[in-house]
PDB file of all heavy atoms in Angstrom:
ATOM      1  N   ARG A   1      76.837 179.601  58.910  1.00  0.00           N
ATOM      2  CA  ARG A   1      77.218 178.196  58.768  1.00  0.00           C
ATOM      3  C   ARG A   1      76.637 177.367  59.908  1.00  0.00           C
ATOM      4  O   ARG A   1      76.220 176.219  59.737  1.00  0.00           O
ATOM      5  CB  ARG A   1      78.750 178.064  58.732  1.00  0.00           C
ATOM      6  CG  ARG A   1      79.241 176.662  58.530  1.00  0.00           C
ATOM      7  CD  ARG A   1      78.866 176.141  57.156  1.00  0.00           C
ATOM      8  NE  ARG A   1      78.514 174.733  57.261  1.00  0.00           N
ATOM      9  CZ  ARG A   1      77.980 174.029  56.305  1.00  0.00           C
ATOM     10  NH1 ARG A   1      77.719 174.558  55.151  1.00  0.00           N
ATOM     11  NH2 ARG A   1      77.688 172.769  56.491  1.00  0.00           N
ATOM     12  N   TRP A   2      76.607 177.974  61.095  1.00  0.00           N
ATOM     13  CA  TRP A   2      76.029 177.323  62.259  1.00  0.00           C
ATOM     14  C   TRP A   2      74.574 176.976  61.965  1.00  0.00           C
ATOM     15  O   TRP A   2      74.117 175.859  62.214  1.00  0.00           O
ATOM     16  CB  TRP A   2      76.158 178.279  63.444  1.00  0.00           C
ATOM     17  CG  TRP A   2      75.839 177.755  64.800  1.00  0.00           C
ATOM     18  CD1 TRP A   2      75.465 176.503  65.162  1.00  0.00           C
ATOM     19  CD2 TRP A   2      75.851 178.513  66.010  1.00  0.00           C
ATOM     20  NE1 TRP A   2      75.258 176.430  66.517  1.00  0.00           N
ATOM     21  CE2 TRP A   2      75.488 177.656  67.061  1.00  0.00           C
ATOM     22  CE3 TRP A   2      76.139 179.841  66.308  1.00  0.00           C
ATOM     23  CZ2 TRP A   2      75.399 178.085  68.378  1.00  0.00           C
ATOM     24  CZ3 TRP A   2      76.048 180.249  67.622  1.00  0.00           C
ATOM     25  CH2 TRP A   2      75.689 179.385  68.644  1.00  0.00           C
ATOM     26  N   ALA A   3      73.830 177.927  61.406  1.00  0.00           N
ATOM     27  CA  ALA A   3      72.415 177.703  61.093  1.00  0.00           C
ATOM     28  C   ALA A   3      72.252 176.620  60.029  1.00  0.00           C
ATOM     29  O   ALA A   3      71.343 175.782  60.121  1.00  0.00           O
ATOM     30  CB  ALA A   3      71.761 179.007  60.636  1.00  0.00           C
ATOM     31  N   VAL A   4      73.117 176.609  59.030  1.00  0.00           N
ATOM     32  CA  VAL A   4      73.056 175.578  57.992  1.00  0.00           C
ATOM     33  C   VAL A   4      73.257 174.201  58.618  1.00  0.00           C
ATOM     34  O   VAL A   4      72.513 173.255  58.324  1.00  0.00           O
ATOM     35  CB  VAL A   4      74.110 175.848  56.891  1.00  0.00           C
ATOM     36  CG1 VAL A   4      74.275 174.652  55.962  1.00  0.00           C
ATOM     37  CG2 VAL A   4      73.740 177.096  56.093  1.00  0.00           C
ATOM     38  N   ASP A   5      74.236 174.081  59.496  1.00  0.00           N
ATOM     39  CA  ASP A   5      74.501 172.804  60.158  1.00  0.00           C
ATOM     40  C   ASP A   5      73.310 172.339  60.989  1.00  0.00           C
ATOM     41  O   ASP A   5      72.932 171.163  60.946  1.00  0.00           O
ATOM     42  CB  ASP A   5      75.740 172.904  61.049  1.00  0.00           C
ATOM     43  CG  ASP A   5      77.029 173.050  60.261  1.00  0.00           C
ATOM     44  OD1 ASP A   5      77.042 172.779  59.043  1.00  0.00           O
ATOM     45  OD2 ASP A   5      78.041 173.466  60.870  1.00  0.00           O
ATOM     46  N   VAL A   6      72.710 173.260  61.735  1.00  0.00           N
ATOM     47  CA  VAL A   6      71.562 172.888  62.578  1.00  0.00           C
ATOM     48  C   VAL A   6      70.381 172.488  61.699  1.00  0.00           C
ATOM     49  O   VAL A   6      69.689 171.507  61.978  1.00  0.00           O
ATOM     50  CB  VAL A   6      71.181 174.031  63.546  1.00  0.00           C
ATOM     51  CG1 VAL A   6      69.926 173.679  64.330  1.00  0.00           C
ATOM     52  CG2 VAL A   6      72.329 174.338  64.494  1.00  0.00           C
ATOM     53  N   ARG A   7      70.159 173.236  60.627  1.00  0.00           N
ATOM     54  CA  ARG A   7      69.059 172.917  59.704  1.00  0.00           C
ATOM     55  C   ARG A   7      69.256 171.523  59.107  1.00  0.00           C
ATOM     56  O   ARG A   7      68.295 170.743  59.024  1.00  0.00           O
ATOM     57  CB  ARG A   7      68.986 173.981  58.608  1.00  0.00           C
ATOM     58  CG  ARG A   7      67.599 174.181  58.058  1.00  0.00           C
ATOM     59  CD  ARG A   7      67.495 175.382  57.114  1.00  0.00           C
ATOM     60  NE  ARG A   7      67.339 176.624  57.861  1.00  0.00           N
ATOM     61  CZ  ARG A   7      68.254 177.598  57.924  1.00  0.00           C
ATOM     62  NH1 ARG A   7      69.380 177.505  57.279  1.00  0.00           N
ATOM     63  NH2 ARG A   7      68.025 178.687  58.631  1.00  0.00           N
ATOM     64  N   GLU A   8      70.482 171.201  58.698  1.00  0.00           N
ATOM     65  CA  GLU A   8      70.764 169.872  58.146  1.00  0.00           C
ATOM     66  C   GLU A   8      70.534 168.785  59.186  1.00  0.00           C
ATOM     67  O   GLU A   8      69.972 167.725  58.881  1.00  0.00           O
ATOM     68  CB  GLU A   8      72.198 169.807  57.622  1.00  0.00           C
ATOM     69  CG  GLU A   8      72.415 170.594  56.346  1.00  0.00           C
ATOM     70  CD  GLU A   8      73.877 170.664  55.915  1.00  0.00           C
ATOM     71  OE1 GLU A   8      74.765 170.112  56.632  1.00  0.00           O
ATOM     72  OE2 GLU A   8      74.139 171.278  54.868  1.00  0.00           O
ATOM     73  N   HIS A   9      70.940 169.028  60.415  1.00  0.00           N
ATOM     74  CA  HIS A   9      70.731 168.044  61.483  1.00  0.00           C
ATOM     75  C   HIS A   9      69.240 167.880  61.761  1.00  0.00           C
ATOM     76  O   HIS A   9      68.765 166.751  61.972  1.00  0.00           O
ATOM     77  CB  HIS A   9      71.478 168.470  62.741  1.00  0.00           C
ATOM     78  CG  HIS A   9      71.657 167.354  63.710  1.00  0.00           C
ATOM     79  ND1 HIS A   9      71.917 167.544  65.031  1.00  0.00           N
ATOM     80  CD2 HIS A   9      71.609 166.002  63.560  1.00  0.00           C
ATOM     81  CE1 HIS A   9      71.996 166.380  65.644  1.00  0.00           C
ATOM     82  NE2 HIS A   9      71.820 165.433  64.774  1.00  0.00           N
ATOM     83  N   LEU A  10      68.509 168.971  61.733  1.00  0.00           N
ATOM     84  CA  LEU A  10      67.065 168.906  61.944  1.00  0.00           C
ATOM     85  C   LEU A  10      66.401 168.072  60.845  1.00  0.00           C
ATOM     86  O   LEU A  10      65.520 167.251  61.134  1.00  0.00           O
ATOM     87  CB  LEU A  10      66.476 170.316  61.997  1.00  0.00           C
ATOM     88  CG  LEU A  10      64.983 170.429  62.281  1.00  0.00           C
ATOM     89  CD1 LEU A  10      64.626 169.783  63.615  1.00  0.00           C
ATOM     90  CD2 LEU A  10      64.558 171.891  62.269  1.00  0.00           C
ATOM     91  N   GLU A  11      66.829 168.254  59.601  1.00  0.00           N
ATOM     92  CA  GLU A  11      66.279 167.461  58.497  1.00  0.00           C
ATOM     93  C   GLU A  11      66.555 165.975  58.699  1.00  0.00           C
ATOM     94  O   GLU A  11      65.678 165.138  58.461  1.00  0.00           O
ATOM     95  CB  GLU A  11      66.865 167.934  57.165  1.00  0.00           C
ATOM     96  CG  GLU A  11      66.347 169.287  56.721  1.00  0.00           C
ATOM     97  CD  GLU A  11      67.064 169.838  55.495  1.00  0.00           C
ATOM     98  OE1 GLU A  11      67.852 169.082  54.857  1.00  0.00           O
ATOM     99  OE2 GLU A  11      66.853 171.021  55.181  1.00  0.00           O
ATOM    100  N   THR A  12      67.744 165.648  59.150  1.00  0.00           N
ATOM    101  CA  THR A  12      68.092 164.250  59.420  1.00  0.00           C
ATOM    102  C   THR A  12      67.208 163.685  60.524  1.00  0.00           C
ATOM    103  O   THR A  12      66.712 162.556  60.424  1.00  0.00           O
ATOM    104  CB  THR A  12      69.578 164.135  59.812  1.00  0.00           C
ATOM    105  OG1 THR A  12      70.377 164.638  58.739  1.00  0.00           O
ATOM    106  CG2 THR A  12      69.965 162.692  60.106  1.00  0.00           C
ATOM    107  N   LEU A  13      67.001 164.469  61.561  1.00  0.00           N
ATOM    108  CA  LEU A  13      66.142 164.010  62.663  1.00  0.00           C
ATOM    109  C   LEU A  13      64.689 163.884  62.212  1.00  0.00           C
ATOM    110  O   LEU A  13      63.980 162.994  62.686  1.00  0.00           O
ATOM    111  CB  LEU A  13      66.248 164.961  63.852  1.00  0.00           C
ATOM    112  CG  LEU A  13      67.575 164.933  64.596  1.00  0.00           C
ATOM    113  CD1 LEU A  13      67.595 166.000  65.684  1.00  0.00           C
ATOM    114  CD2 LEU A  13      67.847 163.557  65.173  1.00  0.00           C
ATOM    115  N   GLU A  14      64.256 164.745  61.310  1.00  0.00           N
ATOM    116  CA  GLU A  14      62.890 164.646  60.771  1.00  0.00           C
ATOM    117  C   GLU A  14      62.699 163.299  60.072  1.00  0.00           C
ATOM    118  O   GLU A  14      61.631 162.698  60.168  1.00  0.00           O
ATOM    119  CB  GLU A  14      62.599 165.792  59.797  1.00  0.00           C
ATOM    120  CG  GLU A  14      62.348 167.132  60.451  1.00  0.00           C
ATOM    121  CD  GLU A  14      61.021 167.229  61.173  1.00  0.00           C
ATOM    122  OE1 GLU A  14      60.137 166.353  61.005  1.00  0.00           O
ATOM    123  OE2 GLU A  14      60.865 168.197  61.937  1.00  0.00           O
ATOM    124  N   GLU A  15      63.736 162.847  59.369  1.00  0.00           N
ATOM    125  CA  GLU A  15      63.670 161.541  58.715  1.00  0.00           C
ATOM    126  C   GLU A  15      63.493 160.427  59.744  1.00  0.00           C
ATOM    127  O   GLU A  15      62.839 159.431  59.472  1.00  0.00           O
ATOM    128  CB  GLU A  15      64.919 161.299  57.876  1.00  0.00           C
ATOM    129  CG  GLU A  15      65.027 162.214  56.673  1.00  0.00           C
ATOM    130  CD  GLU A  15      66.349 162.074  55.942  1.00  0.00           C
ATOM    131  OE1 GLU A  15      67.105 161.111  56.210  1.00  0.00           O
ATOM    132  OE2 GLU A  15      66.633 162.942  55.097  1.00  0.00           O
ATOM    133  N   ALA A  16      64.078 160.598  60.910  1.00  0.00           N
ATOM    134  CA  ALA A  16      63.972 159.593  61.969  1.00  0.00           C
ATOM    135  C   ALA A  16      62.602 159.612  62.636  1.00  0.00           C
ATOM    136  O   ALA A  16      62.262 158.666  63.359  1.00  0.00           O
ATOM    137  CB  ALA A  16      65.063 159.812  63.018  1.00  0.00           C
ATOM    138  N   ARG A  17      61.818 160.639  62.398  1.00  0.00           N
ATOM    139  CA  ARG A  17      60.492 160.745  63.027  1.00  0.00           C
ATOM    140  C   ARG A  17      59.626 159.534  62.686  1.00  0.00           C
ATOM    141  O   ARG A  17      58.899 159.027  63.535  1.00  0.00           O
ATOM    142  CB  ARG A  17      59.805 162.036  62.594  1.00  0.00           C
ATOM    143  CG  ARG A  17      58.433 162.192  63.196  1.00  0.00           C
ATOM    144  CD  ARG A  17      57.808 163.508  62.814  1.00  0.00           C
ATOM    145  NE  ARG A  17      58.018 164.412  63.930  1.00  0.00           N
ATOM    146  CZ  ARG A  17      58.150 165.722  63.821  1.00  0.00           C
ATOM    147  NH1 ARG A  17      58.130 166.295  62.657  1.00  0.00           N
ATOM    148  NH2 ARG A  17      58.327 166.456  64.889  1.00  0.00           N
ATOM    149  N   GLU A  18      59.701 159.057  61.455  1.00  0.00           N
ATOM    150  CA  GLU A  18      58.902 157.900  61.046  1.00  0.00           C
ATOM    151  C   GLU A  18      59.509 156.575  61.503  1.00  0.00           C
ATOM    152  O   GLU A  18      58.835 155.563  61.500  1.00  0.00           O
ATOM    153  CB  GLU A  18      58.712 157.896  59.528  1.00  0.00           C
ATOM    154  CG  GLU A  18      57.794 159.004  59.040  1.00  0.00           C
ATOM    155  CD  GLU A  18      56.413 158.971  59.695  1.00  0.00           C
ATOM    156  OE1 GLU A  18      55.804 157.876  59.788  1.00  0.00           O
ATOM    157  OE2 GLU A  18      55.952 160.034  60.140  1.00  0.00           O
ATOM    158  N   LYS A  19      60.791 156.604  61.869  1.00  0.00           N
ATOM    159  CA  LYS A  19      61.465 155.384  62.324  1.00  0.00           C
ATOM    160  C   LYS A  19      62.344 155.723  63.530  1.00  0.00           C
ATOM    161  O   LYS A  19      63.561 155.582  63.479  1.00  0.00           O
ATOM    162  CB  LYS A  19      62.322 154.797  61.199  1.00  0.00           C
ATOM    163  CG  LYS A  19      61.513 154.317  60.025  1.00  0.00           C
ATOM    164  CD  LYS A  19      62.398 153.692  58.992  1.00  0.00           C
ATOM    165  CE  LYS A  19      61.541 153.215  57.833  1.00  0.00           C
ATOM    166  NZ  LYS A  19      62.328 152.466  56.862  1.00  0.00           N
ATOM    167  N   PRO A  20      61.728 156.161  64.617  1.00  0.00           N
ATOM    168  CA  PRO A  20      62.537 156.574  65.771  1.00  0.00           C
ATOM    169  C   PRO A  20      63.367 155.441  66.349  1.00  0.00           C
ATOM    170  O   PRO A  20      64.380 155.688  66.995  1.00  0.00           O
ATOM    171  CB  PRO A  20      61.506 157.076  66.776  1.00  0.00           C
ATOM    172  CG  PRO A  20      60.229 156.416  66.386  1.00  0.00           C
ATOM    173  CD  PRO A  20      60.297 156.242  64.896  1.00  0.00           C
ATOM    174  N   HIS A  21      62.970 154.210  66.092  1.00  0.00           N
ATOM    175  CA  HIS A  21      63.708 153.065  66.635  1.00  0.00           C
ATOM    176  C   HIS A  21      65.098 152.912  66.032  1.00  0.00           C
ATOM    177  O   HIS A  21      65.872 152.083  66.486  1.00  0.00           O
ATOM    178  CB  HIS A  21      62.904 151.781  66.439  1.00  0.00           C
ATOM    179  CG  HIS A  21      62.630 151.467  65.010  1.00  0.00           C
ATOM    180  ND1 HIS A  21      61.537 151.988  64.350  1.00  0.00           N
ATOM    181  CD2 HIS A  21      63.310 150.721  64.099  1.00  0.00           C
ATOM    182  CE1 HIS A  21      61.558 151.557  63.102  1.00  0.00           C
ATOM    183  NE2 HIS A  21      62.631 150.793  62.926  1.00  0.00           N
ATOM    184  N   VAL A  22      65.432 153.716  65.017  1.00  0.00           N
ATOM    185  CA  VAL A  22      66.802 153.643  64.489  1.00  0.00           C
ATOM    186  C   VAL A  22      67.783 154.358  65.417  1.00  0.00           C
ATOM    187  O   VAL A  22      68.994 154.222  65.257  1.00  0.00           O
ATOM    188  CB  VAL A  22      66.914 154.224  63.052  1.00  0.00           C
ATOM    189  CG1 VAL A  22      66.022 153.463  62.091  1.00  0.00           C
ATOM    190  CG2 VAL A  22      66.624 155.706  63.025  1.00  0.00           C
ATOM    191  N   LEU A  23      67.263 155.087  66.385  1.00  0.00           N
ATOM    192  CA  LEU A  23      68.107 155.791  67.358  1.00  0.00           C
ATOM    193  C   LEU A  23      68.092 155.064  68.692  1.00  0.00           C
ATOM    194  O   LEU A  23      67.070 154.508  69.103  1.00  0.00           O
ATOM    195  CB  LEU A  23      67.598 157.222  67.574  1.00  0.00           C
ATOM    196  CG  LEU A  23      67.603 158.133  66.355  1.00  0.00           C
ATOM    197  CD1 LEU A  23      66.896 159.437  66.674  1.00  0.00           C
ATOM    198  CD2 LEU A  23      69.027 158.392  65.897  1.00  0.00           C
ATOM    199  N   ALA A  24      69.220 155.088  69.364  1.00  0.00           N
ATOM    200  CA  ALA A  24      69.312 154.528  70.716  1.00  0.00           C
ATOM    201  C   ALA A  24      69.130 155.658  71.719  1.00  0.00           C
ATOM    202  O   ALA A  24      69.259 156.844  71.374  1.00  0.00           O
ATOM    203  CB  ALA A  24      70.671 153.860  70.917  1.00  0.00           C
ATOM    204  N   ASP A  25      68.847 155.293  72.955  1.00  0.00           N
ATOM    205  CA  ASP A  25      68.722 156.305  74.019  1.00  0.00           C
ATOM    206  C   ASP A  25      69.961 157.190  74.067  1.00  0.00           C
ATOM    207  O   ASP A  25      69.859 158.403  74.221  1.00  0.00           O
ATOM    208  CB  ASP A  25      68.532 155.637  75.387  1.00  0.00           C
ATOM    209  CG  ASP A  25      67.139 155.057  75.582  1.00  0.00           C
ATOM    210  OD1 ASP A  25      66.234 155.356  74.774  1.00  0.00           O
ATOM    211  OD2 ASP A  25      66.960 154.301  76.564  1.00  0.00           O
ATOM    212  N   ALA A  26      71.136 156.589  73.919  1.00  0.00           N
ATOM    213  CA  ALA A  26      72.388 157.346  73.989  1.00  0.00           C
ATOM    214  C   ALA A  26      72.465 158.388  72.872  1.00  0.00           C
ATOM    215  O   ALA A  26      72.979 159.494  73.083  1.00  0.00           O
ATOM    216  CB  ALA A  26      73.588 156.408  73.914  1.00  0.00           C
ATOM    217  N   ASP A  27      71.948 158.054  71.686  1.00  0.00           N
ATOM    218  CA  ASP A  27      71.946 159.010  70.570  1.00  0.00           C
ATOM    219  C   ASP A  27      71.093 160.230  70.910  1.00  0.00           C
ATOM    220  O   ASP A  27      71.508 161.373  70.716  1.00  0.00           O
ATOM    221  CB  ASP A  27      71.386 158.367  69.296  1.00  0.00           C
ATOM    222  CG  ASP A  27      72.198 157.185  68.808  1.00  0.00           C
ATOM    223  OD1 ASP A  27      73.436 157.211  68.949  1.00  0.00           O
ATOM    224  OD2 ASP A  27      71.580 156.229  68.298  1.00  0.00           O
ATOM    225  N   VAL A  28      69.906 159.964  71.420  1.00  0.00           N
ATOM    226  CA  VAL A  28      68.985 161.049  71.740  1.00  0.00           C
ATOM    227  C   VAL A  28      69.533 161.886  72.901  1.00  0.00           C
ATOM    228  O   VAL A  28      69.457 163.116  72.873  1.00  0.00           O
ATOM    229  CB  VAL A  28      67.572 160.506  72.056  1.00  0.00           C
ATOM    230  CG1 VAL A  28      66.642 161.622  72.520  1.00  0.00           C
ATOM    231  CG2 VAL A  28      66.992 159.807  70.822  1.00  0.00           C
ATOM    232  N   GLU A  29      70.117 161.235  73.885  1.00  0.00           N
ATOM    233  CA  GLU A  29      70.692 161.981  75.009  1.00  0.00           C
ATOM    234  C   GLU A  29      71.844 162.871  74.550  1.00  0.00           C
ATOM    235  O   GLU A  29      71.996 164.000  75.017  1.00  0.00           O
ATOM    236  CB  GLU A  29      71.155 161.028  76.122  1.00  0.00           C
ATOM    237  CG  GLU A  29      70.008 160.420  76.900  1.00  0.00           C
ATOM    238  CD  GLU A  29      69.050 161.457  77.468  1.00  0.00           C
ATOM    239  OE1 GLU A  29      69.507 162.467  78.045  1.00  0.00           O
ATOM    240  OE2 GLU A  29      67.829 161.276  77.313  1.00  0.00           O
ATOM    241  N   ARG A  30      72.653 162.364  73.617  1.00  0.00           N
ATOM    242  CA  ARG A  30      73.757 163.168  73.084  1.00  0.00           C
ATOM    243  C   ARG A  30      73.220 164.385  72.334  1.00  0.00           C
ATOM    244  O   ARG A  30      73.715 165.496  72.491  1.00  0.00           O
ATOM    245  CB  ARG A  30      74.646 162.329  72.169  1.00  0.00           C
ATOM    246  CG  ARG A  30      75.867 163.079  71.656  1.00  0.00           C
ATOM    247  CD  ARG A  30      76.812 162.184  70.855  1.00  0.00           C
ATOM    248  NE  ARG A  30      76.163 161.257  69.960  1.00  0.00           N
ATOM    249  CZ  ARG A  30      75.741 161.557  68.727  1.00  0.00           C
ATOM    250  NH1 ARG A  30      75.917 162.748  68.251  1.00  0.00           N
ATOM    251  NH2 ARG A  30      75.163 160.643  67.975  1.00  0.00           N
ATOM    252  N   ILE A  31      72.180 164.188  71.536  1.00  0.00           N
ATOM    253  CA  ILE A  31      71.548 165.298  70.814  1.00  0.00           C
ATOM    254  C   ILE A  31      71.045 166.341  71.810  1.00  0.00           C
ATOM    255  O   ILE A  31      71.286 167.543  71.644  1.00  0.00           O
ATOM    256  CB  ILE A  31      70.394 164.788  69.930  1.00  0.00           C
ATOM    257  CG1 ILE A  31      70.950 163.951  68.783  1.00  0.00           C
ATOM    258  CG2 ILE A  31      69.543 165.947  69.411  1.00  0.00           C
ATOM    259  CD1 ILE A  31      69.907 163.104  68.071  1.00  0.00           C
ATOM    260  N   LYS A  32      70.370 165.879  72.847  1.00  0.00           N
ATOM    261  CA  LYS A  32      69.844 166.804  73.855  1.00  0.00           C
ATOM    262  C   LYS A  32      70.969 167.560  74.552  1.00  0.00           C
ATOM    263  O   LYS A  32      70.872 168.768  74.779  1.00  0.00           O
ATOM    264  CB  LYS A  32      69.002 166.052  74.891  1.00  0.00           C
ATOM    265  CG  LYS A  32      67.669 165.587  74.367  1.00  0.00           C
ATOM    266  CD  LYS A  32      66.919 164.868  75.491  1.00  0.00           C
ATOM    267  CE  LYS A  32      65.586 164.356  75.060  1.00  0.00           C
ATOM    268  NZ  LYS A  32      64.862 163.733  76.179  1.00  0.00           N
ATOM    269  N   ARG A  33      72.038 166.850  74.877  1.00  0.00           N
ATOM    270  CA  ARG A  33      73.168 167.491  75.560  1.00  0.00           C
ATOM    271  C   ARG A  33      73.811 168.552  74.667  1.00  0.00           C
ATOM    272  O   ARG A  33      74.045 169.682  75.080  1.00  0.00           O
ATOM    273  CB  ARG A  33      74.195 166.446  75.991  1.00  0.00           C
ATOM    274  CG  ARG A  33      75.377 167.042  76.751  1.00  0.00           C
ATOM    275  CD  ARG A  33      76.408 166.018  77.235  1.00  0.00           C
ATOM    276  NE  ARG A  33      76.590 164.798  76.557  1.00  0.00           N
ATOM    277  CZ  ARG A  33      77.165 164.557  75.346  1.00  0.00           C
ATOM    278  NH1 ARG A  33      77.588 165.374  74.719  1.00  0.00           N
ATOM    279  NH2 ARG A  33      77.300 163.417  74.791  1.00  0.00           N
ATOM    280  N   VAL A  34      74.076 168.186  73.415  1.00  0.00           N
ATOM    281  CA  VAL A  34      74.727 169.111  72.486  1.00  0.00           C
ATOM    282  C   VAL A  34      73.870 170.351  72.255  1.00  0.00           C
ATOM    283  O   VAL A  34      74.364 171.484  72.304  1.00  0.00           O
ATOM    284  CB  VAL A  34      75.044 168.402  71.143  1.00  0.00           C
ATOM    285  CG1 VAL A  34      75.399 169.396  70.051  1.00  0.00           C
ATOM    286  CG2 VAL A  34      76.151 167.384  71.335  1.00  0.00           C
ATOM    287  N   TYR A  35      72.581 170.166  72.038  1.00  0.00           N
ATOM    288  CA  TYR A  35      71.724 171.310  71.723  1.00  0.00           C
ATOM    289  C   TYR A  35      71.337 172.111  72.964  1.00  0.00           C
ATOM    290  O   TYR A  35      71.030 173.291  72.856  1.00  0.00           O
ATOM    291  CB  TYR A  35      70.525 170.874  70.874  1.00  0.00           C
ATOM    292  CG  TYR A  35      70.975 170.680  69.447  1.00  0.00           C
ATOM    293  CD1 TYR A  35      71.454 169.447  69.003  1.00  0.00           C
ATOM    294  CD2 TYR A  35      71.005 171.746  68.569  1.00  0.00           C
ATOM    295  CE1 TYR A  35      71.924 169.290  67.715  1.00  0.00           C
ATOM    296  CE2 TYR A  35      71.469 171.600  67.274  1.00  0.00           C
ATOM    297  CZ  TYR A  35      71.927 170.372  66.850  1.00  0.00           C
ATOM    298  OH  TYR A  35      72.411 170.229  65.574  1.00  0.00           O
ATOM    299  N   THR A  36      71.386 171.508  74.125  1.00  0.00           N
ATOM    300  CA  THR A  36      71.215 172.270  75.364  1.00  0.00           C
ATOM    301  C   THR A  36      72.443 173.150  75.585  1.00  0.00           C
ATOM    302  O   THR A  36      72.314 174.331  75.941  1.00  0.00           O
ATOM    303  CB  THR A  36      70.975 171.327  76.551  1.00  0.00           C
ATOM    304  OG1 THR A  36      69.766 170.586  76.306  1.00  0.00           O
ATOM    305  CG2 THR A  36      70.844 172.097  77.851  1.00  0.00           C
ATOM    306  N   GLU A  37      73.632 172.584  75.333  1.00  0.00           N
ATOM    307  CA  GLU A  37      74.851 173.400  75.420  1.00  0.00           C
ATOM    308  C   GLU A  37      74.822 174.512  74.383  1.00  0.00           C
ATOM    309  O   GLU A  37      75.226 175.645  74.656  1.00  0.00           O
ATOM    310  CB  GLU A  37      76.093 172.520  75.224  1.00  0.00           C
ATOM    311  CG  GLU A  37      76.386 171.610  76.388  1.00  0.00           C
ATOM    312  CD  GLU A  37      77.537 170.636  76.118  1.00  0.00           C
ATOM    313  OE1 GLU A  37      78.239 170.775  75.092  1.00  0.00           O
ATOM    314  OE2 GLU A  37      77.728 169.731  76.953  1.00  0.00           O
ATOM    315  N   GLN A  38      74.339 174.194  73.187  1.00  0.00           N
ATOM    316  CA  GLN A  38      74.254 175.202  72.136  1.00  0.00           C
ATOM    317  C   GLN A  38      73.312 176.329  72.556  1.00  0.00           C
ATOM    318  O   GLN A  38      73.590 177.495  72.279  1.00  0.00           O
ATOM    319  CB  GLN A  38      73.763 174.582  70.830  1.00  0.00           C
ATOM    320  CG  GLN A  38      73.745 175.572  69.685  1.00  0.00           C
ATOM    321  CD  GLN A  38      73.164 174.963  68.434  1.00  0.00           C
ATOM    322  OE1 GLN A  38      71.946 174.967  68.266  1.00  0.00           O
ATOM    323  NE2 GLN A  38      74.025 174.457  67.567  1.00  0.00           N
ATOM    324  N   ALA A  39      72.227 175.994  73.225  1.00  0.00           N
ATOM    325  CA  ALA A  39      71.309 177.028  73.706  1.00  0.00           C
ATOM    326  C   ALA A  39      72.040 177.966  74.666  1.00  0.00           C
ATOM    327  O   ALA A  39      71.818 179.180  74.651  1.00  0.00           O
ATOM    328  CB  ALA A  39      70.094 176.392  74.387  1.00  0.00           C
ATOM    329  N   GLY A  40      72.924 177.413  75.485  1.00  0.00           N
ATOM    330  CA  GLY A  40      73.737 178.243  76.374  1.00  0.00           C
ATOM    331  C   GLY A  40      74.680 179.147  75.594  1.00  0.00           C
ATOM    332  O   GLY A  40      74.857 180.324  75.930  1.00  0.00           O
ATOM    333  N   ASP A  41      75.272 178.609  74.523  1.00  0.00           N
ATOM    334  CA  ASP A  41      76.141 179.425  73.673  1.00  0.00           C
ATOM    335  C   ASP A  41      75.345 180.547  73.003  1.00  0.00           C
ATOM    336  O   ASP A  41      75.818 181.682  72.895  1.00  0.00           O
ATOM    337  CB  ASP A  41      76.815 178.565  72.609  1.00  0.00           C
ATOM    338  CG  ASP A  41      77.803 177.568  73.189  1.00  0.00           C
ATOM    339  OD1 ASP A  41      78.250 177.773  74.344  1.00  0.00           O
ATOM    340  OD2 ASP A  41      78.127 176.588  72.494  1.00  0.00           O
TER     341      ASP A  41
END
């Protein structure tokens, strides 16, 4: 289930690749923080 969730989030972020301006710095920093913590897990 963890992998399914990450895959879905990755797909959502892929959609933002063509329109990165829909994200704020805080959004990207939160993503980095969460997935850096996940790497530790």
